């Protein structure tokens, strides 16, 4: 059986920002930049019937497009009984409300197609890399160095389905895109470009406007603190 993941892909400009976080960290293994993604739901498909049912269910997922930013970094513990335990190096995402609502819609679609429910609690995290458990101090220093990280915003107006498999040369997974689903049901092609800096949340200078930053509880262009509720994620 093949394994698939429903996921969000960062645009090229955001990959550049994430690449800067992959600095010198002894013994760390980094996921391929081209494979970085925020997973919504992973599943296996036993056969064509289940694949057709899932495709039909996902085509009916609708949501209001929203803007997401990657922010804060986390260290995650290794899986239980891992033969070579490694700490995960991950980046969180905000705002949590729209992301959780989208993930729940995808989860409901997966269940309606007859696939089993998710067993663990979902968290909006992007996996950057891994480091052996014995290098916790180095991982903590990396986290402290990047904990104020906040990416440029990205528009979440689509999600993808990709076949995924373990990467033999690093942490995370390799993937091959198999489908794309739009927030409003309009047909999209896998080759359609992702929304990037030309989106209307950006001003003429390429900086996100104050209305968007206010939703994240950030600062305006002149350093003035803006309203809104912080969307930081716990571990």
Protein backbone atom coordinates (compact mmCIF):
# COMPACT_ATOMS: atom_id res chain seq x y z
CA UNK A 1 0.00 0.00 0.00
CA UNK A 2 1.22 3.48 -0.84
CA UNK A 3 1.38 6.23 1.77
CA UNK A 4 0.02 9.69 1.01
CA UNK A 5 -0.07 13.03 2.81
CA UNK A 6 -2.44 15.97 2.52
CA UNK A 7 -0.17 18.98 2.94
CA UNK A 8 0.52 22.68 2.54
CA UNK A 9 3.54 23.76 0.49
CA UNK A 10 5.54 26.94 1.24
CA UNK A 11 6.19 29.22 -1.76
CA UNK A 12 9.76 29.62 -3.08
CA UNK A 13 10.43 32.83 -1.15
CA UNK A 14 9.54 31.11 2.11
CA UNK A 15 11.84 28.20 1.31
CA UNK A 16 14.64 30.74 1.12
CA UNK A 17 13.85 31.96 4.63
CA UNK A 18 13.74 28.41 5.98
CA UNK A 19 17.03 27.62 4.29
CA UNK A 20 18.73 30.33 6.34
CA UNK A 21 17.80 28.45 9.52
CA UNK A 22 19.79 25.40 8.44
CA UNK A 23 23.02 26.84 9.74
CA UNK A 24 25.92 25.20 11.51
CA UNK A 25 24.57 22.65 13.97
CA UNK A 26 26.90 19.71 14.65
CA UNK A 27 25.43 16.32 13.81
CA UNK A 28 22.12 17.76 12.56
CA UNK A 29 20.50 16.22 9.50
CA UNK A 30 18.32 18.57 7.46
CA UNK A 31 15.30 17.70 5.36
CA UNK A 32 15.52 18.56 1.66
CA UNK A 33 14.31 22.11 1.00
CA UNK A 34 12.23 20.96 -1.95
CA UNK A 35 10.41 18.47 0.31
CA UNK A 36 9.53 20.84 3.15
CA UNK A 37 5.80 20.88 3.86
CA UNK A 38 3.24 21.28 6.61
CA UNK A 39 1.32 17.98 6.85
CA UNK A 40 -2.44 18.04 7.39
CA UNK A 41 -3.14 14.29 7.35
CA UNK A 42 -1.24 11.15 6.38
CA UNK A 43 -2.91 7.91 5.30
CA UNK A 44 -2.48 4.75 3.26
CA UNK A 45 -4.76 3.78 0.38
CA UNK A 46 -5.44 0.03 0.08
CA UNK A 47 -6.74 0.22 -3.49
CA UNK A 48 -8.38 2.17 -6.31
CA UNK A 49 -11.84 2.18 -4.72
CA UNK A 50 -10.55 3.93 -1.59
CA UNK A 51 -8.50 6.35 -3.71
CA UNK A 52 -11.57 7.33 -5.76
CA UNK A 53 -13.70 7.77 -2.63
CA UNK A 54 -11.06 9.96 -1.00
CA UNK A 55 -10.59 12.09 -4.12
CA UNK A 56 -14.34 12.71 -4.26
CA UNK A 57 -14.47 13.61 -0.56
CA UNK A 58 -11.53 16.02 -0.76
CA UNK A 59 -13.05 17.76 -3.79
CA UNK A 60 -15.90 18.89 -1.51
CA UNK A 61 -13.64 20.47 1.14
CA UNK A 62 -14.28 24.23 1.23
CA UNK A 63 -12.76 26.96 3.36
CA UNK A 64 -12.16 30.68 3.28
CA UNK A 65 -8.62 31.35 2.03
CA UNK A 66 -6.43 32.80 4.77
CA UNK A 67 -2.88 33.96 5.38
CA UNK A 68 -0.44 31.86 7.37
CA UNK A 69 2.96 32.64 8.78
CA UNK A 70 5.61 30.26 10.09
CA UNK A 71 6.86 31.32 13.50
CA UNK A 72 8.78 29.97 16.50
CA UNK A 73 10.85 26.81 16.58
CA UNK A 74 10.41 23.65 18.62
CA UNK A 75 12.39 20.62 19.71
CA UNK A 76 10.34 17.43 19.70
CA UNK A 77 11.20 14.15 21.45
CA UNK A 78 12.05 11.02 19.46
CA UNK A 79 9.40 8.35 18.87
CA UNK A 80 9.19 5.67 21.59
CA UNK A 81 11.59 2.76 21.12
CA UNK A 82 13.40 4.42 18.19
CA UNK A 83 16.63 2.47 17.48
CA UNK A 84 18.59 5.69 16.88
CA UNK A 85 16.64 8.34 18.80
CA UNK A 86 16.74 11.83 17.31
CA UNK A 87 15.22 15.12 18.40
CA UNK A 88 13.01 16.81 15.83
CA UNK A 89 13.75 20.41 14.79
CA UNK A 90 10.45 22.00 13.78
CA UNK A 91 8.81 25.33 12.96
CA UNK A 92 5.31 26.24 14.12
CA UNK A 93 2.55 27.95 12.14
CA UNK A 94 -0.07 30.59 12.91
CA UNK A 95 -2.85 31.59 13.23
CA UNK A 96 -4.05 28.31 14.77
CA UNK A 97 -7.80 28.78 14.31
CA UNK A 98 -8.05 28.65 10.48
CA UNK A 99 -5.35 25.96 10.28
CA UNK A 100 -7.14 23.71 12.77
CA UNK A 101 -10.45 24.28 10.98
CA UNK A 102 -8.92 23.29 7.63
CA UNK A 103 -7.25 20.23 9.13
CA UNK A 104 -10.56 19.15 10.68
CA UNK A 105 -12.29 19.43 7.29
CA UNK A 106 -9.57 17.27 5.71
CA UNK A 107 -9.84 14.80 8.60
CA UNK A 108 -13.61 14.54 8.14
CA UNK A 109 -13.15 13.97 4.40
CA UNK A 110 -10.64 11.18 5.06
CA UNK A 111 -13.03 9.49 7.48
CA UNK A 112 -16.00 9.85 5.13
CA UNK A 113 -13.96 7.94 2.53
CA UNK A 114 -13.81 5.00 4.92
CA UNK A 115 -10.24 5.46 6.17
CA UNK A 116 -9.47 5.10 9.90
CA UNK A 117 -9.34 8.20 12.14
CA UNK A 118 -6.13 9.90 13.15
CA UNK A 119 -4.76 8.48 16.41
CA UNK A 120 -2.70 11.42 17.67
CA UNK A 121 -3.42 15.10 18.21
CA UNK A 122 -2.56 17.24 15.19
CA UNK A 123 -0.16 20.17 15.56
CA UNK A 124 0.68 22.69 12.80
CA UNK A 125 4.41 22.02 12.49
CA UNK A 126 6.89 21.93 9.62
CA UNK A 127 9.73 19.44 10.11
CA UNK A 128 13.10 21.02 9.31
CA UNK A 129 15.56 18.43 10.52
CA UNK A 130 16.76 16.14 13.30
CA UNK A 131 19.71 15.78 15.64
CA UNK A 132 20.81 12.84 17.85
CA UNK A 133 19.21 12.91 21.29
CA UNK A 134 22.61 13.29 22.95
CA UNK A 135 23.04 16.74 21.37
CA UNK A 136 20.18 18.36 23.26
CA UNK A 137 22.33 21.32 24.37
CA UNK A 138 23.19 22.13 20.75
CA UNK A 139 19.52 21.84 19.81
CA UNK A 140 18.53 24.21 22.61
CA UNK A 141 21.06 26.79 21.42
CA UNK A 142 19.65 26.49 17.89
CA UNK A 143 16.14 27.00 19.25
CA UNK A 144 17.21 30.06 21.24
CA UNK A 145 18.92 31.52 18.17
CA UNK A 146 15.82 31.17 16.00
CA UNK A 147 12.91 31.37 18.44
CA UNK A 148 11.93 34.86 17.27
CA UNK A 149 11.73 33.65 13.68
CA UNK A 150 8.67 34.85 11.80
CA UNK A 151 8.34 34.24 8.09
CA UNK A 152 6.67 36.35 5.47
CA UNK A 153 3.01 35.34 5.17
CA UNK A 154 1.75 32.82 2.66
CA UNK A 155 -1.75 32.45 1.25
CA UNK A 156 -3.49 29.17 2.09
CA UNK A 157 -5.89 28.82 -0.83
CA UNK A 158 -5.07 25.21 -1.74
CA UNK A 159 -3.71 22.00 -0.34
CA UNK A 160 -1.97 19.12 -2.04
CA UNK A 161 -1.97 15.34 -1.95
CA UNK A 162 1.45 13.74 -2.34
CA UNK A 163 2.78 10.23 -2.28
CA UNK A 164 5.42 10.21 0.45
CA UNK A 165 8.19 7.82 1.44
CA UNK A 166 11.15 7.98 3.86
CA UNK A 167 14.17 9.88 2.61
CA UNK A 168 17.18 7.51 2.70
CA UNK A 169 19.61 10.44 2.90
CA UNK A 170 18.00 12.57 5.59
CA UNK A 171 15.11 13.12 8.00
CA UNK A 172 11.62 13.74 6.78
CA UNK A 173 10.22 12.37 3.55
CA UNK A 174 10.55 12.57 -0.18
CA UNK A 175 7.36 13.17 -2.09
CA UNK A 176 5.68 13.29 -5.46
CA UNK A 177 2.64 15.52 -5.84
CA UNK A 178 -0.46 13.66 -6.97
CA UNK A 179 -3.29 16.21 -6.70
CA UNK A 180 -4.28 19.73 -5.67
CA UNK A 181 -7.53 21.03 -4.17
CA UNK A 182 -8.70 24.65 -4.12
CA UNK A 183 -10.49 26.44 -1.27
CA UNK A 184 -13.42 27.34 -3.54
CA UNK A 185 -13.56 24.23 -5.70
CA UNK A 186 -12.13 25.82 -8.84
CA UNK A 187 -9.89 23.49 -10.85
CA UNK A 188 -6.16 23.90 -10.33
CA UNK A 189 -3.17 22.33 -12.02
CA UNK A 190 -0.14 21.04 -10.16
CA UNK A 191 1.96 23.41 -12.25
CA UNK A 192 -0.01 26.50 -11.18
CA UNK A 193 2.35 28.77 -9.20
CA UNK A 194 1.82 29.20 -5.48
CA UNK A 195 0.78 32.66 -4.26
CA UNK A 196 3.89 34.61 -3.33
CA UNK A 197 4.96 38.18 -2.55
CA UNK A 198 2.64 39.59 -5.19
CA UNK A 199 -0.34 38.66 -3.02
CA UNK A 200 -2.53 41.54 -1.86
CA UNK A 201 -1.40 41.21 1.76
CA UNK A 202 1.85 42.88 0.69
CA UNK A 203 2.45 46.56 0.20
CA UNK A 204 4.37 48.03 -2.69
CA UNK A 205 7.60 47.62 -0.73
CA UNK A 206 7.07 43.85 -0.36
CA UNK A 207 6.32 44.08 3.38
CA UNK A 208 3.08 42.62 4.71
CA UNK A 209 0.59 45.36 5.53
CA UNK A 210 -0.29 46.39 9.07
CA UNK A 211 -3.79 44.88 8.94
CA UNK A 212 -2.29 41.44 8.42
CA UNK A 213 0.42 41.90 11.03
CA UNK A 214 -2.20 43.06 13.53
CA UNK A 215 -3.91 39.66 13.31
CA UNK A 216 -0.65 38.13 14.55
CA UNK A 217 -0.12 40.63 17.35
CA UNK A 218 3.04 41.89 15.67
CA UNK A 219 4.60 45.27 14.99
CA UNK A 220 3.76 47.72 12.25
CA UNK A 221 6.18 48.98 9.66
CA UNK A 222 7.38 51.73 11.99
CA UNK A 223 7.91 49.38 14.91
CA UNK A 224 4.61 50.31 16.56
CA UNK A 225 3.00 47.43 18.42
CA UNK A 226 -0.28 46.40 16.84
CA UNK A 227 -3.36 44.82 18.32
CA UNK A 228 -4.47 41.24 18.00
CA UNK A 229 -3.94 38.03 19.86
CA UNK A 230 -0.64 36.18 19.79
CA UNK A 231 -0.90 32.93 17.91
CA UNK A 232 2.13 31.17 19.35
CA UNK A 233 1.89 27.40 19.64
CA UNK A 234 2.74 25.28 22.59
CA UNK A 235 4.79 22.12 22.44
